[in-house]
Amino acid sequence: MSKLDRALWIPEAYKFKAKLTQENLELIEANLYGYIEFAVDDKSWKKGYLLEMEPEPDSELTTFKLLRANL
């Protein structure tokens, strides 16, 4: 029996592209099991756990795939 009040994640994935700075890369590498917070606009913030992170070869963008956090 689980002692958690609720699940840590929701079975949904977010996928988006964003520019990854060196500072953000270092933060992700230092805490691979933490959650990433992002927003499409300034009002709708979302959180998720990293599933995939792949740089785009022809641009400065990185494709992220996150498992939706239940926070």
Protein backbone atom coordinates (compact mmCIF):
# COMPACT_ATOMS: atom_id res chain seq x y z
CA MET A 1 0.00 0.00 0.00
CA SER A 2 1.39 3.38 -0.96
CA LYS A 3 1.91 6.04 1.67
CA LEU A 4 1.59 8.83 -0.86
CA ASP A 5 -1.54 10.98 -0.78
CA ARG A 6 -1.54 11.11 -4.57
CA ALA A 7 0.52 10.00 -7.54
CA LEU A 8 3.69 11.94 -8.38
CA TRP A 9 2.71 12.24 -12.04
CA ILE A 10 -0.28 12.18 -14.37
CA PRO A 11 -0.04 9.88 -17.42
CA GLU A 12 0.22 12.72 -19.92
CA ALA A 13 3.26 14.10 -21.72
CA TYR A 14 4.20 17.62 -22.71
CA LYS A 15 6.38 18.12 -25.78
CA PHE A 16 7.87 21.48 -26.74
CA LYS A 17 10.94 23.17 -28.21
CA ALA A 18 12.93 25.81 -26.38
CA LYS A 19 16.36 27.40 -26.37
CA LEU A 20 18.51 25.70 -23.73
CA THR A 21 21.08 27.92 -22.05
CA GLN A 22 24.27 26.55 -20.52
CA GLU A 23 22.97 27.55 -17.08
CA ASN A 24 19.72 25.61 -17.58
CA LEU A 25 21.60 22.58 -18.90
CA GLU A 26 23.76 22.56 -15.76
CA LEU A 27 20.64 22.78 -13.56
CA ILE A 28 19.02 19.85 -15.36
CA GLU A 29 22.18 17.73 -15.18
CA ALA A 30 22.57 18.46 -11.45
CA ASN A 31 19.02 17.31 -10.70
CA LEU A 32 17.83 14.80 -13.31
CA TYR A 33 14.92 13.63 -11.14
CA GLY A 34 13.55 17.09 -10.37
CA TYR A 35 10.74 18.70 -12.29
CA ILE A 36 10.98 21.32 -15.04
CA GLU A 37 8.61 24.27 -15.01
CA PHE A 38 7.67 26.01 -18.27
CA ALA A 39 4.97 28.25 -19.69
CA VAL A 40 3.43 28.87 -23.07
CA ASP A 41 2.47 32.33 -21.83
CA ASP A 42 3.07 34.16 -18.54
CA LYS A 43 -0.15 32.84 -16.99
CA SER A 44 -0.21 29.11 -17.70
CA TRP A 45 2.77 27.48 -15.97
CA LYS A 46 3.17 23.70 -16.23
CA LYS A 47 5.48 21.22 -14.48
CA GLY A 48 6.86 17.90 -15.64
CA TYR A 49 9.58 15.31 -15.15
CA LEU A 50 12.13 14.93 -17.94
CA LEU A 51 11.59 11.95 -20.25
CA GLU A 52 13.61 13.08 -23.28
CA MET A 53 15.80 16.01 -24.23
CA GLU A 54 17.19 16.20 -27.75
CA PRO A 55 19.02 19.13 -29.38
CA GLU A 56 17.93 20.16 -32.86
CA PRO A 57 21.01 19.85 -35.13
CA ASP A 58 20.19 22.82 -37.37
CA SER A 59 19.07 25.31 -34.73
CA GLU A 60 19.67 26.49 -31.18
CA LEU A 61 16.49 24.75 -30.02
CA THR A 62 16.13 21.62 -27.91
CA THR A 63 13.09 19.34 -27.98
CA PHE A 64 11.82 18.38 -24.54
CA LYS A 65 9.38 15.64 -23.59
CA LEU A 66 8.10 15.80 -20.01
CA LEU A 67 5.82 13.58 -17.96
CA ARG A 68 3.17 15.80 -16.36
CA ALA A 69 3.87 16.36 -12.66
CA ASN A 70 1.00 16.08 -10.18
CA LEU A 71 2.09 18.96 -7.94
